[in-house]
């Protein structure tokens, strides 16, 4: 797996990898991560990957991170009940 690029963002770490005929777009926030796989055949060049990460997409990613964090906290609190 090779790192293609890191895209600066104030709230999440964004890393793009190339692996096995796919680009992996990995977004990390704290202990959580989201990974999206895009076939290398679906983009003309690597610069198109950055264009995919527009404000609309990133807003949904941040909302999903909030939901994931809530889910994790809820699961941990249920564990404490046992």
PDB file of N, CA and C in Angstrom:
ATOM      1  N   UNK A   1       0.850  -1.165   0.000  1.00  0.00           N
ATOM      2  CA  UNK A   1       0.000   0.000   0.000  1.00  0.00           C
ATOM      3  C   UNK A   1       0.897   1.230   0.000  1.00  0.00           C
ATOM      4  N   UNK A   2       0.540   2.170  -0.857  1.00  0.00           N
ATOM      5  CA  UNK A   2       1.362   3.374  -0.944  1.00  0.00           C
ATOM      6  C   UNK A   2       0.516   4.598  -0.643  1.00  0.00           C
ATOM      7  N   UNK A   3       1.095   5.548   0.081  1.00  0.00           N
ATOM      8  CA  UNK A   3       0.413   6.801   0.381  1.00  0.00           C
ATOM      9  C   UNK A   3       0.489   7.680  -0.860  1.00  0.00           C
ATOM     10  N   UNK A   4      -0.675   8.085  -1.348  1.00  0.00           N
ATOM     11  CA  UNK A   4      -0.751   8.965  -2.516  1.00  0.00           C
ATOM     12  C   UNK A   4      -0.657  10.414  -2.070  1.00  0.00           C
ATOM     13  N   UNK A   5      -1.442  10.758  -1.050  1.00  0.00           N
ATOM     14  CA  UNK A   5      -1.406  12.131  -0.548  1.00  0.00           C
ATOM     15  C   UNK A   5      -2.085  12.219   0.807  1.00  0.00           C
ATOM     16  N   UNK A   6      -1.807  13.314   1.474  1.00  0.00           N
ATOM     17  CA  UNK A   6      -2.509  13.687   2.689  1.00  0.00           C
ATOM     18  C   UNK A   6      -3.134  15.043   2.420  1.00  0.00           C
ATOM     19  N   UNK A   7      -4.408  15.148   2.717  1.00  0.00           N
ATOM     20  CA  UNK A   7      -5.138  16.382   2.441  1.00  0.00           C
ATOM     21  C   UNK A   7      -5.408  17.078   3.765  1.00  0.00           C
ATOM     22  N   UNK A   8      -4.925  18.304   3.912  1.00  0.00           N
ATOM     23  CA  UNK A   8      -5.134  19.010   5.179  1.00  0.00           C
ATOM     24  C   UNK A   8      -6.608  19.346   5.402  1.00  0.00           C
ATOM     25  N   UNK A   9      -7.036  19.173   6.638  1.00  0.00           N
ATOM     26  CA  UNK A   9      -8.395  19.536   7.049  1.00  0.00           C
ATOM     27  C   UNK A   9      -8.333  19.836   8.540  1.00  0.00           C
ATOM     28  N   UNK A  10      -9.058  20.853   8.996  1.00  0.00           N
ATOM     29  CA  UNK A  10      -8.958  21.229  10.416  1.00  0.00           C
ATOM     30  C   UNK A  10      -9.552  20.232  11.400  1.00  0.00           C
ATOM     31  N   UNK A  11     -10.453  19.351  10.947  1.00  0.00           N
ATOM     32  CA  UNK A  11     -11.131  18.471  11.894  1.00  0.00           C
ATOM     33  C   UNK A  11     -10.812  16.995  11.733  1.00  0.00           C
ATOM     34  N   UNK A  12     -10.387  16.579  10.566  1.00  0.00           N
ATOM     35  CA  UNK A  12     -10.112  15.162  10.332  1.00  0.00           C
ATOM     36  C   UNK A  12      -8.787  14.998   9.600  1.00  0.00           C
ATOM     37  N   UNK A  13      -8.153  13.863   9.829  1.00  0.00           N
ATOM     38  CA  UNK A  13      -6.954  13.519   9.075  1.00  0.00           C
ATOM     39  C   UNK A  13      -7.417  12.757   7.834  1.00  0.00           C
ATOM     40  N   UNK A  14      -6.996  13.216   6.674  1.00  0.00           N
ATOM     41  CA  UNK A  14      -7.403  12.598   5.413  1.00  0.00           C
ATOM     42  C   UNK A  14      -6.150  12.078   4.712  1.00  0.00           C
ATOM     43  N   UNK A  15      -6.137  10.775   4.465  1.00  0.00           N
ATOM     44  CA  UNK A  15      -5.017  10.151   3.766  1.00  0.00           C
ATOM     45  C   UNK A  15      -5.576   9.342   2.603  1.00  0.00           C
ATOM     46  N   UNK A  16      -4.924   9.471   1.454  1.00  0.00           N
ATOM     47  CA  UNK A  16      -5.324   8.690   0.285  1.00  0.00           C
ATOM     48  C   UNK A  16      -4.215   7.694  -0.017  1.00  0.00           C
ATOM     49  N   UNK A  17      -4.620   6.430  -0.123  1.00  0.00           N
ATOM     50  CA  UNK A  17      -3.700   5.343  -0.412  1.00  0.00           C
ATOM     51  C   UNK A  17      -4.029   4.745  -1.777  1.00  0.00           C
ATOM     52  N   UNK A  18      -3.050   4.103  -2.368  1.00  0.00           N
ATOM     53  CA  UNK A  18      -3.266   3.296  -3.569  1.00  0.00           C
ATOM     54  C   UNK A  18      -2.933   1.865  -3.191  1.00  0.00           C
ATOM     55  N   UNK A  19      -3.883   0.946  -3.504  1.00  0.00           N
ATOM     56  CA  UNK A  19      -3.661  -0.449  -3.126  1.00  0.00           C
ATOM     57  C   UNK A  19      -4.551  -1.358  -3.953  1.00  0.00           C
ATOM     58  N   UNK A  20      -3.948  -2.300  -4.598  1.00  0.00           N
ATOM     59  CA  UNK A  20      -4.662  -3.389  -5.254  1.00  0.00           C
ATOM     60  C   UNK A  20      -5.708  -2.894  -6.264  1.00  0.00           C
ATOM     61  N   UNK A  21      -5.332  -1.908  -7.072  1.00  0.00           N
ATOM     62  CA  UNK A  21      -6.237  -1.391  -8.101  1.00  0.00           C
ATOM     63  C   UNK A  21      -7.300  -0.449  -7.591  1.00  0.00           C
ATOM     64  N   UNK A  22      -7.164  -0.016  -6.323  1.00  0.00           N
ATOM     65  CA  UNK A  22      -8.134   0.890  -5.733  1.00  0.00           C
ATOM     66  C   UNK A  22      -7.427   2.027  -5.021  1.00  0.00           C
ATOM     67  N   UNK A  23      -8.141   3.129  -4.913  1.00  0.00           N
ATOM     68  CA  UNK A  23      -7.730   4.195  -4.021  1.00  0.00           C
ATOM     69  C   UNK A  23      -8.534   4.035  -2.745  1.00  0.00           C
ATOM     70  N   UNK A  24      -7.878   4.154  -1.617  1.00  0.00           N
ATOM     71  CA  UNK A  24      -8.549   4.136  -0.329  1.00  0.00           C
ATOM     72  C   UNK A  24      -8.485   5.548   0.242  1.00  0.00           C
ATOM     73  N   UNK A  25      -9.641   6.100   0.517  1.00  0.00           N
ATOM     74  CA  UNK A  25      -9.725   7.421   1.135  1.00  0.00           C
ATOM     75  C   UNK A  25     -10.017   7.172   2.604  1.00  0.00           C
ATOM     76  N   UNK A  26      -9.037   7.435   3.451  1.00  0.00           N
ATOM     77  CA  UNK A  26      -9.159   7.158   4.879  1.00  0.00           C
ATOM     78  C   UNK A  26      -9.290   8.478   5.636  1.00  0.00           C
ATOM     79  N   UNK A  27     -10.365   8.591   6.401  1.00  0.00           N
ATOM     80  CA  UNK A  27     -10.616   9.770   7.217  1.00  0.00           C
ATOM     81  C   UNK A  27     -10.604   9.346   8.670  1.00  0.00           C
ATOM     82  N   UNK A  28      -9.841  10.059   9.505  1.00  0.00           N
ATOM     83  CA  UNK A  28      -9.701   9.701  10.915  1.00  0.00           C
ATOM     84  C   UNK A  28     -10.044  10.886  11.803  1.00  0.00           C
ATOM     85  N   UNK A  29     -10.775  10.597  12.862  1.00  0.00           N
ATOM     86  CA  UNK A  29     -11.076  11.607  13.875  1.00  0.00           C
ATOM     87  C   UNK A  29     -11.056  10.909  15.219  1.00  0.00           C
ATOM     88  N   UNK A  30     -10.057  11.214  16.028  1.00  0.00           N
ATOM     89  CA  UNK A  30      -9.923  10.556  17.320  1.00  0.00           C
ATOM     90  C   UNK A  30      -9.781   9.058  17.135  1.00  0.00           C
ATOM     91  N   UNK A  31     -10.564   8.266  17.886  1.00  0.00           N
ATOM     92  CA  UNK A  31     -10.445   6.807  17.795  1.00  0.00           C
ATOM     93  C   UNK A  31     -11.270   6.204  16.652  1.00  0.00           C
ATOM     94  N   UNK A  32     -11.873   7.055  15.841  1.00  0.00           N
ATOM     95  CA  UNK A  32     -12.775   6.580  14.786  1.00  0.00           C
ATOM     96  C   UNK A  32     -12.152   6.796  13.413  1.00  0.00           C
ATOM     97  N   UNK A  33     -12.554   5.930  12.464  1.00  0.00           N
ATOM     98  CA  UNK A  33     -12.108   6.127  11.092  1.00  0.00           C
ATOM     99  C   UNK A  33     -13.174   5.649  10.118  1.00  0.00           C
ATOM    100  N   UNK A  34     -13.163   6.260   8.958  1.00  0.00           N
ATOM    101  CA  UNK A  34     -14.014   5.871   7.844  1.00  0.00           C
ATOM    102  C   UNK A  34     -13.101   5.670   6.643  1.00  0.00           C
ATOM    103  N   UNK A  35     -13.354   4.619   5.882  1.00  0.00           N
ATOM    104  CA  UNK A  35     -12.556   4.353   4.687  1.00  0.00           C
ATOM    105  C   UNK A  35     -13.491   4.120   3.520  1.00  0.00           C
ATOM    106  N   UNK A  36     -13.192   4.776   2.419  1.00  0.00           N
ATOM    107  CA  UNK A  36     -13.956   4.635   1.188  1.00  0.00           C
ATOM    108  C   UNK A  36     -13.016   4.100   0.117  1.00  0.00           C
ATOM    109  N   UNK A  37     -13.480   3.117  -0.631  1.00  0.00           N
ATOM    110  CA  UNK A  37     -12.681   2.520  -1.701  1.00  0.00           C
ATOM    111  C   UNK A  37     -13.229   2.982  -3.043  1.00  0.00           C
ATOM    112  N   UNK A  38     -12.318   3.439  -3.908  1.00  0.00           N
ATOM    113  CA  UNK A  38     -12.687   3.907  -5.238  1.00  0.00           C
ATOM    114  C   UNK A  38     -11.782   3.194  -6.236  1.00  0.00           C
ATOM    115  N   UNK A  39     -12.377   2.563  -7.217  1.00  0.00           N
ATOM    116  CA  UNK A  39     -11.584   1.878  -8.228  1.00  0.00           C
ATOM    117  C   UNK A  39     -10.715   2.887  -8.980  1.00  0.00           C
ATOM    118  N   UNK A  40      -9.490   2.509  -9.270  1.00  0.00           N
ATOM    119  CA  UNK A  40      -8.603   3.378 -10.046  1.00  0.00           C
ATOM    120  C   UNK A  40      -9.183   3.647 -11.432  1.00  0.00           C
ATOM    121  N   UNK A  41     -10.061   2.766 -11.905  1.00  0.00           N
ATOM    122  CA  UNK A  41     -10.684   2.929 -13.212  1.00  0.00           C
ATOM    123  C   UNK A  41     -11.778   4.001 -13.201  1.00  0.00           C
ATOM    124  N   UNK A  42     -12.247   4.384 -12.002  1.00  0.00           N
ATOM    125  CA  UNK A  42     -13.346   5.340 -11.895  1.00  0.00           C
ATOM    126  C   UNK A  42     -12.902   6.797 -11.840  1.00  0.00           C
ATOM    127  N   UNK A  43     -11.610   7.043 -11.785  1.00  0.00           N
ATOM    128  CA  UNK A  43     -11.100   8.418 -11.767  1.00  0.00           C
ATOM    129  C   UNK A  43     -10.048   8.576 -12.857  1.00  0.00           C
ATOM    130  N   UNK A  44      -9.999   9.770 -13.430  1.00  0.00           N
ATOM    131  CA  UNK A  44      -9.028  10.016 -14.493  1.00  0.00           C
ATOM    132  C   UNK A  44      -7.619  10.131 -13.943  1.00  0.00           C
ATOM    133  N   UNK A  45      -7.478  10.859 -12.824  1.00  0.00           N
ATOM    134  CA  UNK A  45      -6.169  10.953 -12.179  1.00  0.00           C
ATOM    135  C   UNK A  45      -6.361  11.187 -10.691  1.00  0.00           C
ATOM    136  N   UNK A  46      -5.274  11.131  -9.972  1.00  0.00           N
ATOM    137  CA  UNK A  46      -5.329  11.217  -8.512  1.00  0.00           C
ATOM    138  C   UNK A  46      -5.888  12.546  -8.016  1.00  0.00           C
ATOM    139  N   UNK A  47      -5.753  13.606  -8.798  1.00  0.00           N
ATOM    140  CA  UNK A  47      -6.277  14.912  -8.394  1.00  0.00           C
ATOM    141  C   UNK A  47      -7.798  14.894  -8.278  1.00  0.00           C
ATOM    142  N   UNK A  48      -8.459  14.010  -9.032  1.00  0.00           N
ATOM    143  CA  UNK A  48      -9.917  13.912  -8.951  1.00  0.00           C
ATOM    144  C   UNK A  48     -10.377  13.456  -7.571  1.00  0.00           C
ATOM    145  N   UNK A  49      -9.549  12.725  -6.869  1.00  0.00           N
ATOM    146  CA  UNK A  49      -9.925  12.258  -5.532  1.00  0.00           C
ATOM    147  C   UNK A  49     -10.120  13.424  -4.580  1.00  0.00           C
ATOM    148  N   UNK A  50      -9.270  14.428  -4.680  1.00  0.00           N
ATOM    149  CA  UNK A  50      -9.413  15.615  -3.828  1.00  0.00           C
ATOM    150  C   UNK A  50     -10.702  16.351  -4.144  1.00  0.00           C
ATOM    151  N   UNK A  51     -11.071  16.373  -5.423  1.00  0.00           N
ATOM    152  CA  UNK A  51     -12.300  17.056  -5.828  1.00  0.00           C
ATOM    153  C   UNK A  51     -13.534  16.354  -5.275  1.00  0.00           C
ATOM    154  N   UNK A  52     -13.446  15.052  -5.084  1.00  0.00           N
ATOM    155  CA  UNK A  52     -14.574  14.301  -4.520  1.00  0.00           C
ATOM    156  C   UNK A  52     -14.867  14.732  -3.088  1.00  0.00           C
ATOM    157  N   UNK A  53     -13.850  15.186  -2.393  1.00  0.00           N
ATOM    158  CA  UNK A  53     -13.980  15.536  -0.978  1.00  0.00           C
ATOM    159  C   UNK A  53     -14.453  16.978  -0.829  1.00  0.00           C
ATOM    160  N   UNK A  54     -15.603  17.266  -1.410  1.00  0.00           N
ATOM    161  CA  UNK A  54     -16.134  18.625  -1.358  1.00  0.00           C
ATOM    162  C   UNK A  54     -16.825  18.880  -0.017  1.00  0.00           C
ATOM    163  N   UNK A  55     -17.333  20.097   0.165  1.00  0.00           N
ATOM    164  CA  UNK A  55     -17.943  20.477   1.441  1.00  0.00           C
ATOM    165  C   UNK A  55     -19.136  19.593   1.804  1.00  0.00           C
ATOM    166  N   UNK A  56     -19.936  19.221   0.821  1.00  0.00           N
ATOM    167  CA  UNK A  56     -21.104  18.384   1.072  1.00  0.00           C
ATOM    168  C   UNK A  56     -20.683  17.015   1.591  1.00  0.00           C
ATOM    169  N   UNK A  57     -19.717  16.398   0.923  1.00  0.00           N
ATOM    170  CA  UNK A  57     -19.228  15.085   1.338  1.00  0.00           C
ATOM    171  C   UNK A  57     -18.633  15.153   2.744  1.00  0.00           C
ATOM    172  N   UNK A  58     -17.782  16.147   2.989  1.00  0.00           N
ATOM    173  CA  UNK A  58     -17.120  16.244   4.290  1.00  0.00           C
ATOM    174  C   UNK A  58     -18.099  16.562   5.419  1.00  0.00           C
ATOM    175  N   UNK A  59     -19.147  17.321   5.127  1.00  0.00           N
ATOM    176  CA  UNK A  59     -20.164  17.591   6.156  1.00  0.00           C
ATOM    177  C   UNK A  59     -20.848  16.283   6.565  1.00  0.00           C
ATOM    178  N   UNK A  60     -21.128  15.427   5.595  1.00  0.00           N
ATOM    179  CA  UNK A  60     -21.752  14.142   5.910  1.00  0.00           C
ATOM    180  C   UNK A  60     -20.787  13.239   6.671  1.00  0.00           C
ATOM    181  N   UNK A  61     -19.514  13.290   6.317  1.00  0.00           N
ATOM    182  CA  UNK A  61     -18.497  12.513   7.028  1.00  0.00           C
ATOM    183  C   UNK A  61     -18.440  12.951   8.500  1.00  0.00           C
ATOM    184  N   UNK A  62     -18.436  14.258   8.730  1.00  0.00           N
ATOM    185  CA  UNK A  62     -18.377  14.764  10.105  1.00  0.00           C
ATOM    186  C   UNK A  62     -19.630  14.381  10.895  1.00  0.00           C
ATOM    187  N   UNK A  63     -20.793  14.429  10.255  1.00  0.00           N
ATOM    188  CA  UNK A  63     -22.024  13.985  10.934  1.00  0.00           C
ATOM    189  C   UNK A  63     -21.943  12.506  11.272  1.00  0.00           C
ATOM    190  N   UNK A  64     -21.408  11.725  10.343  1.00  0.00           N
ATOM    191  CA  UNK A  64     -21.280  10.285  10.577  1.00  0.00           C
ATOM    192  C   UNK A  64     -20.323  10.016  11.732  1.00  0.00           C
ATOM    193  N   UNK A  65     -19.230  10.794  11.817  1.00  0.00           N
ATOM    194  CA  UNK A  65     -18.306  10.639  12.947  1.00  0.00           C
ATOM    195  C   UNK A  65     -19.031  10.918  14.264  1.00  0.00           C
ATOM    196  N   UNK A  66     -19.878  11.942  14.288  1.00  0.00           N
ATOM    197  CA  UNK A  66     -20.628  12.256  15.509  1.00  0.00           C
ATOM    198  C   UNK A  66     -21.529  11.084  15.889  1.00  0.00           C
ATOM    199  N   UNK A  67     -22.212  10.510  14.899  1.00  0.00           N
ATOM    200  CA  UNK A  67     -23.073   9.357  15.156  1.00  0.00           C
ATOM    201  C   UNK A  67     -22.258   8.160  15.633  1.00  0.00           C
ATOM    202  N   UNK A  68     -21.125   7.927  15.003  1.00  0.00           N
ATOM    203  CA  UNK A  68     -20.264   6.813  15.400  1.00  0.00           C
ATOM    204  C   UNK A  68     -19.802   6.981  16.846  1.00  0.00           C
ATOM    205  N   UNK A  69     -19.417   8.199  17.203  1.00  0.00           N
ATOM    206  CA  UNK A  69     -18.971   8.462  18.568  1.00  0.00           C
ATOM    207  C   UNK A  69     -20.078   8.192  19.575  1.00  0.00           C
ATOM    208  N   UNK A  70     -21.301   8.617  19.246  1.00  0.00           N
ATOM    209  CA  UNK A  70     -22.440   8.359  20.129  1.00  0.00           C
ATOM    210  C   UNK A  70     -22.699   6.864  20.255  1.00  0.00           C
ATOM    211  N   UNK A  71     -22.631   6.151  19.133  1.00  0.00           N
ATOM    212  CA  UNK A  71     -22.837   4.698  19.156  1.00  0.00           C
ATOM    213  C   UNK A  71     -21.793   4.000  20.026  1.00  0.00           C
ATOM    214  N   UNK A  72     -20.546   4.436  19.903  1.00  0.00           N
ATOM    215  CA  UNK A  72     -19.480   3.830  20.686  1.00  0.00           C
ATOM    216  C   UNK A  72     -19.679   4.091  22.176  1.00  0.00           C
ATOM    217  N   UNK A  73     -20.012   5.334  22.526  1.00  0.00           N
ATOM    218  CA  UNK A  73     -20.247   5.658  23.939  1.00  0.00           C
ATOM    219  C   UNK A  73     -21.423   4.863  24.497  1.00  0.00           C
ATOM    220  N   UNK A  74     -22.481   4.715  23.710  1.00  0.00           N
ATOM    221  CA  UNK A  74     -23.641   3.948  24.158  1.00  0.00           C
ATOM    222  C   UNK A  74     -23.276   2.479  24.366  1.00  0.00           C
ATOM    223  N   UNK A  75     -22.496   1.926  23.464  1.00  0.00           N
ATOM    224  CA  UNK A  75     -22.070   0.530  23.596  1.00  0.00           C
ATOM    225  C   UNK A  75     -21.195   0.352  24.836  1.00  0.00           C
ATOM    226  N   UNK A  76     -20.309   1.316  25.082  1.00  0.00           N
ATOM    227  CA  UNK A  76     -19.453   1.226  26.260  1.00  0.00           C
ATOM    228  C   UNK A  76     -20.268   1.342  27.549  1.00  0.00           C
ATOM    229  N   UNK A  77     -21.289   2.184  27.547  1.00  0.00           N
ATOM    230  CA  UNK A  77     -22.104   2.311  28.761  1.00  0.00           C
ATOM    231  C   UNK A  77     -22.922   1.050  29.011  1.00  0.00           C
ATOM    232  N   UNK A  78     -23.377   0.396  27.948  1.00  0.00           N
ATOM    233  CA  UNK A  78     -24.088  -0.874  28.135  1.00  0.00           C
ATOM    234  C   UNK A  78     -23.157  -1.944  28.683  1.00  0.00           C
ATOM    235  N   UNK A  79     -21.904  -1.893  28.291  1.00  0.00           N
ATOM    236  CA  UNK A  79     -20.916  -2.839  28.799  1.00  0.00           C
ATOM    237  C   UNK A  79     -20.742  -2.657  30.301  1.00  0.00           C
ATOM    238  N   UNK A  80     -20.782  -1.414  30.750  1.00  0.00           N
ATOM    239  CA  UNK A  80     -20.628  -1.133  32.183  1.00  0.00           C
ATOM    240  C   UNK A  80     -21.796  -1.666  33.011  1.00  0.00           C
ATOM    241  N   UNK A  81     -22.935  -1.919  32.371  1.00  0.00           N
ATOM    242  CA  UNK A  81     -24.118  -2.408  33.077  1.00  0.00           C
ATOM    243  C   UNK A  81     -23.983  -3.874  33.478  1.00  0.00           C
ATOM    244  N   UNK A  82     -23.092  -4.596  32.826  1.00  0.00           N
ATOM    245  CA  UNK A  82     -22.939  -6.039  33.087  1.00  0.00           C
ATOM    246  C   UNK A  82     -22.027  -6.304  34.252  1.00  0.00           C
TER     247      UNK A  82
END
